[in-house]
Amino acid sequence: MYHAIISDFHLNPFKVEIQKLNFIKQVYSNPKIKRVTFNGDVWEGFGFKNPGAPRFSSFYQTWYLPFLKDLSKKIPTDFIPGNHDSWVWWDSTHIPFVKKLELTYGKQKFHITHGHQYALKQADGNISSALQDLPLLTVYHIAPWFINGTFGRYYNQKAKQVQKQTHSKSTALIIGHTHFFEIDDKNLFYNSGSNTMVGPHGLAIDTKTGKVLPLSSIL
């Protein structure tokens, strides 16, 4: 059996994105999957104050939310907030979020979180200046395809540096956020990628052995 980790759908509250919803349905209809974790950025909003961003109320009033809640009744589901998710979601009358998950499968321990907090830190644990990363953030919005290369790889490397400073060497780290899919067994680092990008998306943890696989390998 498997624990599926998916992230960064960035669902638009103003239009129905059938391809993304079909992927979610495919995950929930797979008999091999016993648990699902949405690891951040479920919807296309912002946790910080951004006048131009869609408000959570817009998303809440669409049929997306009942859709997600109904599916989560079929299979145990966790929702971890990302930097695009409104903090209003902490209200348990909507969808209850948890900041992180710490689990053990087989002999392998896992720390699962969205990862934006890692991308904002330097290896010494200090928060980096937003201006320092401005060129890359600009590319993120102008040429999203770039994330599949330099941008995503850059932030995954930053996360690995912080991982070494903040986690036990025997604990595997699973994040999303960078949209760059990665399975790095040597460093026990895993990124679930993004459903908005071309390429792999999603991780599957073997609940018996703790082995991490691409989700596509079991769908």
C-alpha atoms as a PDB file:
ATOM      1  CA  MET A   1       0.000   0.000   0.000  1.00  0.00           C
ATOM      2  CA  TYR A   2       1.078   3.573  -0.598  1.00  0.00           C
ATOM      3  CA  HIS A   3       0.891   7.077   0.834  1.00  0.00           C
ATOM      4  CA  ALA A   4       0.497   9.585  -2.033  1.00  0.00           C
ATOM      5  CA  ILE A   5       2.069  13.035  -1.726  1.00  0.00           C
ATOM      6  CA  ILE A   6       0.769  15.643  -4.190  1.00  0.00           C
ATOM      7  CA  SER A   7       1.226  19.414  -4.185  1.00  0.00           C
ATOM      8  CA  ASP A   8       1.068  22.736  -5.968  1.00  0.00           C
ATOM      9  CA  PHE A   9      -2.172  22.434  -7.908  1.00  0.00           C
ATOM     10  CA  HIS A  10      -2.812  26.188  -7.691  1.00  0.00           C
ATOM     11  CA  LEU A  11      -6.507  25.653  -8.406  1.00  0.00           C
ATOM     12  CA  ASN A  12      -8.084  28.733  -9.940  1.00  0.00           C
ATOM     13  CA  PRO A  13     -11.246  29.843  -8.085  1.00  0.00           C
ATOM     14  CA  PHE A  14     -12.583  31.485 -11.255  1.00  0.00           C
ATOM     15  CA  LYS A  15     -12.452  28.558 -13.668  1.00  0.00           C
ATOM     16  CA  VAL A  16     -12.771  24.774 -13.566  1.00  0.00           C
ATOM     17  CA  GLU A  17      -9.504  23.031 -14.415  1.00  0.00           C
ATOM     18  CA  ILE A  18     -10.641  19.598 -15.567  1.00  0.00           C
ATOM     19  CA  GLN A  19      -7.173  18.133 -16.145  1.00  0.00           C
ATOM     20  CA  LYS A  20      -6.129  18.816 -12.554  1.00  0.00           C
ATOM     21  CA  LEU A  21      -9.395  17.485 -11.136  1.00  0.00           C
ATOM     22  CA  ASN A  22      -9.141  14.314 -13.217  1.00  0.00           C
ATOM     23  CA  PHE A  23      -5.649  13.720 -11.847  1.00  0.00           C
ATOM     24  CA  ILE A  24      -6.947  14.082  -8.278  1.00  0.00           C
ATOM     25  CA  LYS A  25      -9.789  11.649  -9.018  1.00  0.00           C
ATOM     26  CA  GLN A  26      -7.296   9.175 -10.464  1.00  0.00           C
ATOM     27  CA  VAL A  27      -5.291   9.275  -7.239  1.00  0.00           C
ATOM     28  CA  TYR A  28      -8.338   8.689  -5.054  1.00  0.00           C
ATOM     29  CA  SER A  29      -9.651   5.865  -7.217  1.00  0.00           C
ATOM     30  CA  ASN A  30      -6.424   3.855  -6.967  1.00  0.00           C
ATOM     31  CA  PRO A  31      -6.908   0.890  -4.587  1.00  0.00           C
ATOM     32  CA  LYS A  32      -3.166   0.833  -3.796  1.00  0.00           C
ATOM     33  CA  ILE A  33      -3.331   4.245  -2.100  1.00  0.00           C
ATOM     34  CA  LYS A  34      -4.298   4.260   1.583  1.00  0.00           C
ATOM     35  CA  ARG A  35      -3.510   7.906   2.421  1.00  0.00           C
ATOM     36  CA  VAL A  36      -3.215  11.192   0.512  1.00  0.00           C
ATOM     37  CA  THR A  37      -1.390  14.376   1.488  1.00  0.00           C
ATOM     38  CA  PHE A  38      -1.918  17.686  -0.312  1.00  0.00           C
ATOM     39  CA  ASN A  39       1.428  19.274   0.455  1.00  0.00           C
ATOM     40  CA  GLY A  40       0.592  22.945  -0.010  1.00  0.00           C
ATOM     41  CA  ASP A  41      -0.623  25.446  -2.600  1.00  0.00           C
ATOM     42  CA  VAL A  42      -3.972  23.789  -3.182  1.00  0.00           C
ATOM     43  CA  TRP A  43      -5.436  27.000  -4.582  1.00  0.00           C
ATOM     44  CA  GLU A  44      -4.080  30.022  -6.443  1.00  0.00           C
ATOM     45  CA  GLY A  45      -4.181  32.613  -3.686  1.00  0.00           C
ATOM     46  CA  PHE A  46      -1.632  34.029  -1.297  1.00  0.00           C
ATOM     47  CA  GLY A  47      -1.149  33.622   2.444  1.00  0.00           C
ATOM     48  CA  PHE A  48       0.319  37.117   2.590  1.00  0.00           C
ATOM     49  CA  LYS A  49      -1.547  40.369   1.948  1.00  0.00           C
ATOM     50  CA  ASN A  50      -1.735  40.778  -1.805  1.00  0.00           C
ATOM     51  CA  PRO A  51      -4.458  43.116  -3.131  1.00  0.00           C
ATOM     52  CA  GLY A  52      -4.404  41.478  -6.563  1.00  0.00           C
ATOM     53  CA  ALA A  53      -4.753  37.885  -5.381  1.00  0.00           C
ATOM     54  CA  PRO A  54      -8.067  36.017  -5.352  1.00  0.00           C
ATOM     55  CA  ARG A  55      -9.592  35.918  -1.892  1.00  0.00           C
ATOM     56  CA  PHE A  56     -10.216  32.693  -0.031  1.00  0.00           C
ATOM     57  CA  SER A  57     -13.925  33.519   0.047  1.00  0.00           C
ATOM     58  CA  SER A  58     -13.951  33.268  -3.769  1.00  0.00           C
ATOM     59  CA  PHE A  59     -12.452  29.807  -3.609  1.00  0.00           C
ATOM     60  CA  TYR A  60     -14.635  28.742  -0.705  1.00  0.00           C
ATOM     61  CA  GLN A  61     -17.810  29.570  -2.621  1.00  0.00           C
ATOM     62  CA  THR A  62     -16.867  27.403  -5.613  1.00  0.00           C
ATOM     63  CA  TRP A  63     -17.518  23.678  -5.845  1.00  0.00           C
ATOM     64  CA  TYR A  64     -13.811  22.908  -5.465  1.00  0.00           C
ATOM     65  CA  LEU A  65     -14.011  22.803  -1.688  1.00  0.00           C
ATOM     66  CA  PRO A  66     -16.929  20.338  -1.419  1.00  0.00           C
ATOM     67  CA  PHE A  67     -15.154  18.265  -4.087  1.00  0.00           C
ATOM     68  CA  LEU A  68     -11.998  18.016  -1.984  1.00  0.00           C
ATOM     69  CA  LYS A  69     -13.894  17.400   1.244  1.00  0.00           C
ATOM     70  CA  ASP A  70     -15.953  14.600  -0.285  1.00  0.00           C
ATOM     71  CA  LEU A  71     -12.850  12.860  -1.601  1.00  0.00           C
ATOM     72  CA  SER A  72     -11.107  13.154   1.755  1.00  0.00           C
ATOM     73  CA  LYS A  73     -13.935  11.143   3.318  1.00  0.00           C
ATOM     74  CA  LYS A  74     -13.028   8.163   1.104  1.00  0.00           C
ATOM     75  CA  ILE A  75      -9.324   8.036   1.949  1.00  0.00           C
ATOM     76  CA  PRO A  76      -7.569   9.609   4.983  1.00  0.00           C
ATOM     77  CA  THR A  77      -6.300  12.964   3.746  1.00  0.00           C
ATOM     78  CA  ASP A  78      -3.935  15.607   5.123  1.00  0.00           C
ATOM     79  CA  PHE A  79      -3.802  19.226   4.004  1.00  0.00           C
ATOM     80  CA  ILE A  80      -0.561  21.117   4.650  1.00  0.00           C
ATOM     81  CA  PRO A  81      -0.647  24.891   3.952  1.00  0.00           C
ATOM     82  CA  GLY A  82       1.629  26.421   1.339  1.00  0.00           C
ATOM     83  CA  ASN A  83       2.580  30.042   0.729  1.00  0.00           C
ATOM     84  CA  HIS A  84      -0.381  30.429  -1.670  1.00  0.00           C
ATOM     85  CA  ASP A  85      -2.989  29.070   0.741  1.00  0.00           C
ATOM     86  CA  SER A  86      -4.970  31.566   2.796  1.00  0.00           C
ATOM     87  CA  TRP A  87      -4.514  31.162   6.533  1.00  0.00           C
ATOM     88  CA  VAL A  88      -8.309  31.319   6.849  1.00  0.00           C
ATOM     89  CA  TRP A  89      -8.126  27.634   6.000  1.00  0.00           C
ATOM     90  CA  TRP A  90      -6.970  26.994   9.534  1.00  0.00           C
ATOM     91  CA  ASP A  91     -10.652  27.270  10.462  1.00  0.00           C
ATOM     92  CA  SER A  92     -11.626  23.612  10.872  1.00  0.00           C
ATOM     93  CA  THR A  93     -15.106  24.322   9.489  1.00  0.00           C
ATOM     94  CA  HIS A  94     -13.426  24.634   6.090  1.00  0.00           C
ATOM     95  CA  ILE A  95     -10.570  22.155   5.656  1.00  0.00           C
ATOM     96  CA  PRO A  96      -8.339  21.523   8.677  1.00  0.00           C
ATOM     97  CA  PHE A  97      -4.668  22.058   7.897  1.00  0.00           C
ATOM     98  CA  VAL A  98      -1.616  20.747   9.725  1.00  0.00           C
ATOM     99  CA  LYS A  99       1.718  22.563   9.532  1.00  0.00           C
ATOM    100  CA  LYS A 100       3.715  19.406   8.909  1.00  0.00           C
ATOM    101  CA  LEU A 101       3.663  15.620   9.150  1.00  0.00           C
ATOM    102  CA  GLU A 102       6.227  13.429  10.865  1.00  0.00           C
ATOM    103  CA  LEU A 103       5.758   9.770   9.982  1.00  0.00           C
ATOM    104  CA  THR A 104       7.643   6.485   9.946  1.00  0.00           C
ATOM    105  CA  TYR A 105       7.216   3.806   7.293  1.00  0.00           C
ATOM    106  CA  GLY A 106       9.335   0.700   7.687  1.00  0.00           C
ATOM    107  CA  LYS A 107      12.489   2.013   9.341  1.00  0.00           C
ATOM    108  CA  GLN A 108      12.406   5.333   7.509  1.00  0.00           C
ATOM    109  CA  LYS A 109      11.350   8.555   9.230  1.00  0.00           C
ATOM    110  CA  PHE A 110       9.781  11.320   7.146  1.00  0.00           C
ATOM    111  CA  HIS A 111       9.305  15.054   7.690  1.00  0.00           C
ATOM    112  CA  ILE A 112       6.707  16.404   5.251  1.00  0.00           C
ATOM    113  CA  THR A 113       6.054  20.118   4.786  1.00  0.00           C
ATOM    114  CA  HIS A 114       5.383  22.479   1.869  1.00  0.00           C
ATOM    115  CA  GLY A 115       8.931  23.836   1.837  1.00  0.00           C
ATOM    116  CA  HIS A 116       8.628  27.575   1.266  1.00  0.00           C
ATOM    117  CA  GLN A 117      10.256  28.132   4.645  1.00  0.00           C
ATOM    118  CA  TYR A 118      13.306  26.190   3.428  1.00  0.00           C
ATOM    119  CA  ALA A 119      13.583  28.087   0.164  1.00  0.00           C
ATOM    120  CA  LEU A 120      13.641  31.378   2.086  1.00  0.00           C
ATOM    121  CA  LYS A 121      16.508  30.360   4.356  1.00  0.00           C
ATOM    122  CA  GLN A 122      20.229  30.223   3.838  1.00  0.00           C
ATOM    123  CA  ALA A 123      22.250  27.259   5.041  1.00  0.00           C
ATOM    124  CA  ASP A 124      23.041  29.164   8.244  1.00  0.00           C
ATOM    125  CA  GLY A 125      19.316  29.356   9.028  1.00  0.00           C
ATOM    126  CA  ASN A 126      18.947  33.095   8.364  1.00  0.00           C
ATOM    127  CA  ILE A 127      16.104  34.387   6.221  1.00  0.00           C
ATOM    128  CA  SER A 128      17.441  35.639   2.907  1.00  0.00           C
ATOM    129  CA  SER A 129      16.480  38.982   1.442  1.00  0.00           C
ATOM    130  CA  ALA A 130      13.506  38.939  -0.924  1.00  0.00           C
ATOM    131  CA  LEU A 131      15.467  41.265  -3.202  1.00  0.00           C
ATOM    132  CA  GLN A 132      18.245  38.709  -3.425  1.00  0.00           C
ATOM    133  CA  ASP A 133      15.919  36.281  -5.199  1.00  0.00           C
ATOM    134  CA  LEU A 134      13.977  38.879  -7.192  1.00  0.00           C
ATOM    135  CA  PRO A 135      15.455  37.930 -10.610  1.00  0.00           C
ATOM    136  CA  LEU A 136      14.445  34.301 -10.158  1.00  0.00           C
ATOM    137  CA  LEU A 137      11.006  35.244  -8.890  1.00  0.00           C
ATOM    138  CA  THR A 138      10.546  37.435 -11.967  1.00  0.00           C
ATOM    139  CA  VAL A 139      11.456  34.518 -14.230  1.00  0.00           C
ATOM    140  CA  TYR A 140       8.977  32.353 -12.311  1.00  0.00           C
ATOM    141  CA  HIS A 141       6.101  34.575 -13.460  1.00  0.00           C
ATOM    142  CA  ILE A 142       7.369  35.465 -16.933  1.00  0.00           C
ATOM    143  CA  ALA A 143       8.612  32.029 -18.072  1.00  0.00           C
ATOM    144  CA  PRO A 144       7.149  29.237 -15.891  1.00  0.00           C
ATOM    145  CA  TRP A 145       8.844  26.566 -18.008  1.00  0.00           C
ATOM    146  CA  PHE A 146      12.141  27.766 -16.536  1.00  0.00           C
ATOM    147  CA  ILE A 147      11.128  26.193 -13.233  1.00  0.00           C
ATOM    148  CA  ASN A 148      11.717  22.751 -14.725  1.00  0.00           C
ATOM    149  CA  GLY A 149      15.408  23.646 -14.944  1.00  0.00           C
ATOM    150  CA  THR A 150      17.522  26.238 -13.206  1.00  0.00           C
ATOM    151  CA  PHE A 151      14.910  27.812 -10.945  1.00  0.00           C
ATOM    152  CA  GLY A 152      13.557  24.627  -9.377  1.00  0.00           C
ATOM    153  CA  ARG A 153      16.949  22.971  -9.075  1.00  0.00           C
ATOM    154  CA  TYR A 154      18.355  26.104  -7.393  1.00  0.00           C
ATOM    155  CA  TYR A 155      15.681  26.159  -4.687  1.00  0.00           C
ATOM    156  CA  ASN A 156      15.851  22.409  -4.143  1.00  0.00           C
ATOM    157  CA  GLN A 157      19.564  22.812  -3.454  1.00  0.00           C
ATOM    158  CA  LYS A 158      18.840  25.592  -0.957  1.00  0.00           C
ATOM    159  CA  ALA A 159      16.345  23.323   0.781  1.00  0.00           C
ATOM    160  CA  LYS A 160      18.921  20.529   0.995  1.00  0.00           C
ATOM    161  CA  GLN A 161      21.400  22.882   2.636  1.00  0.00           C
ATOM    162  CA  VAL A 162      18.882  23.877   5.286  1.00  0.00           C
ATOM    163  CA  GLN A 163      17.839  20.241   5.684  1.00  0.00           C
ATOM    164  CA  LYS A 164      21.367  19.330   6.805  1.00  0.00           C
ATOM    165  CA  GLN A 165      21.240  22.059   9.446  1.00  0.00           C
ATOM    166  CA  THR A 166      17.789  21.334  10.845  1.00  0.00           C
ATOM    167  CA  HIS A 167      17.073  17.605  10.489  1.00  0.00           C
ATOM    168  CA  SER A 168      18.623  14.328  11.533  1.00  0.00           C
ATOM    169  CA  LYS A 169      20.671  12.639   8.813  1.00  0.00           C
ATOM    170  CA  SER A 170      18.352   9.658   9.042  1.00  0.00           C
ATOM    171  CA  THR A 171      15.151  11.680   8.464  1.00  0.00           C
ATOM    172  CA  ALA A 172      13.867  12.068   4.914  1.00  0.00           C
ATOM    173  CA  LEU A 173      12.526  15.482   3.886  1.00  0.00           C
ATOM    174  CA  ILE A 174       9.578  15.784   1.498  1.00  0.00           C
ATOM    175  CA  ILE A 175       8.611  19.213   0.157  1.00  0.00           C
ATOM    176  CA  GLY A 176       6.830  20.829  -2.787  1.00  0.00           C
ATOM    177  CA  HIS A 177       6.923  24.588  -3.474  1.00  0.00           C
ATOM    178  CA  THR A 178       9.717  24.712  -6.070  1.00  0.00           C
ATOM    179  CA  HIS A 179       7.640  22.807  -8.681  1.00  0.00           C
ATOM    180  CA  PHE A 180      10.797  20.803  -9.485  1.00  0.00           C
ATOM    181  CA  PHE A 181      10.227  17.061  -9.085  1.00  0.00           C
ATOM    182  CA  GLU A 182      13.144  15.229  -7.502  1.00  0.00           C
ATOM    183  CA  ILE A 183      13.908  11.874  -5.910  1.00  0.00           C
ATOM    184  CA  ASP A 184      17.312  12.016  -4.206  1.00  0.00           C
ATOM    185  CA  ASP A 185      17.653   8.820  -2.189  1.00  0.00           C
ATOM    186  CA  LYS A 186      21.293   9.550  -1.310  1.00  0.00           C
ATOM    187  CA  ASN A 187      20.378  12.747   0.552  1.00  0.00           C
ATOM    188  CA  LEU A 188      16.912  11.538   1.615  1.00  0.00           C
ATOM    189  CA  PHE A 189      15.400  14.546  -0.177  1.00  0.00           C
ATOM    190  CA  TYR A 190      12.196  14.404  -2.198  1.00  0.00           C
ATOM    191  CA  ASN A 191      10.105  16.986  -4.031  1.00  0.00           C
ATOM    192  CA  SER A 192       6.620  16.141  -5.298  1.00  0.00           C
ATOM    193  CA  GLY A 193       6.762  18.639  -8.168  1.00  0.00           C
ATOM    194  CA  SER A 194       3.673  20.440  -9.416  1.00  0.00           C
ATOM    195  CA  ASN A 195       0.587  19.488 -11.389  1.00  0.00           C
ATOM    196  CA  THR A 196       0.910  22.813 -13.214  1.00  0.00           C
ATOM    197  CA  MET A 197       4.153  21.745 -14.922  1.00  0.00           C
ATOM    198  CA  VAL A 198       5.042  19.300 -17.680  1.00  0.00           C
ATOM    199  CA  GLY A 199       6.824  16.276 -16.239  1.00  0.00           C
ATOM    200  CA  PRO A 200       6.512  14.040 -13.172  1.00  0.00           C
ATOM    201  CA  HIS A 201       4.196  15.015 -10.367  1.00  0.00           C
ATOM    202  CA  GLY A 202       3.572  13.300  -7.076  1.00  0.00           C
ATOM    203  CA  LEU A 203       5.351  10.832  -4.825  1.00  0.00           C
ATOM    204  CA  ALA A 204       4.276   7.445  -3.516  1.00  0.00           C
ATOM    205  CA  ILE A 205       5.719   6.114  -0.256  1.00  0.00           C
ATOM    206  CA  ASP A 206       5.603   2.349   0.218  1.00  0.00           C
ATOM    207  CA  THR A 207       4.044   2.142   3.680  1.00  0.00           C
ATOM    208  CA  LYS A 208       5.758  -1.193   4.374  1.00  0.00           C
ATOM    209  CA  THR A 209       9.325  -0.422   3.309  1.00  0.00           C
ATOM    210  CA  GLY A 210       9.509   3.400   3.279  1.00  0.00           C
ATOM    211  CA  LYS A 211      10.711   3.387  -0.341  1.00  0.00           C
ATOM    212  CA  VAL A 212       9.783   6.574  -2.247  1.00  0.00           C
ATOM    213  CA  LEU A 213       8.634   6.201  -5.864  1.00  0.00           C
ATOM    214  CA  PRO A 214       7.205   8.479  -8.545  1.00  0.00           C
ATOM    215  CA  LEU A 215       3.435   8.476  -8.103  1.00  0.00           C
ATOM    216  CA  SER A 216       3.058   7.733 -11.821  1.00  0.00           C
ATOM    217  CA  SER A 217       4.666   4.321 -11.262  1.00  0.00           C
ATOM    218  CA  ILE A 218       1.618   3.059  -9.351  1.00  0.00           C
ATOM    219  CA  LEU A 219      -1.207   4.895 -11.153  1.00  0.00           C
END
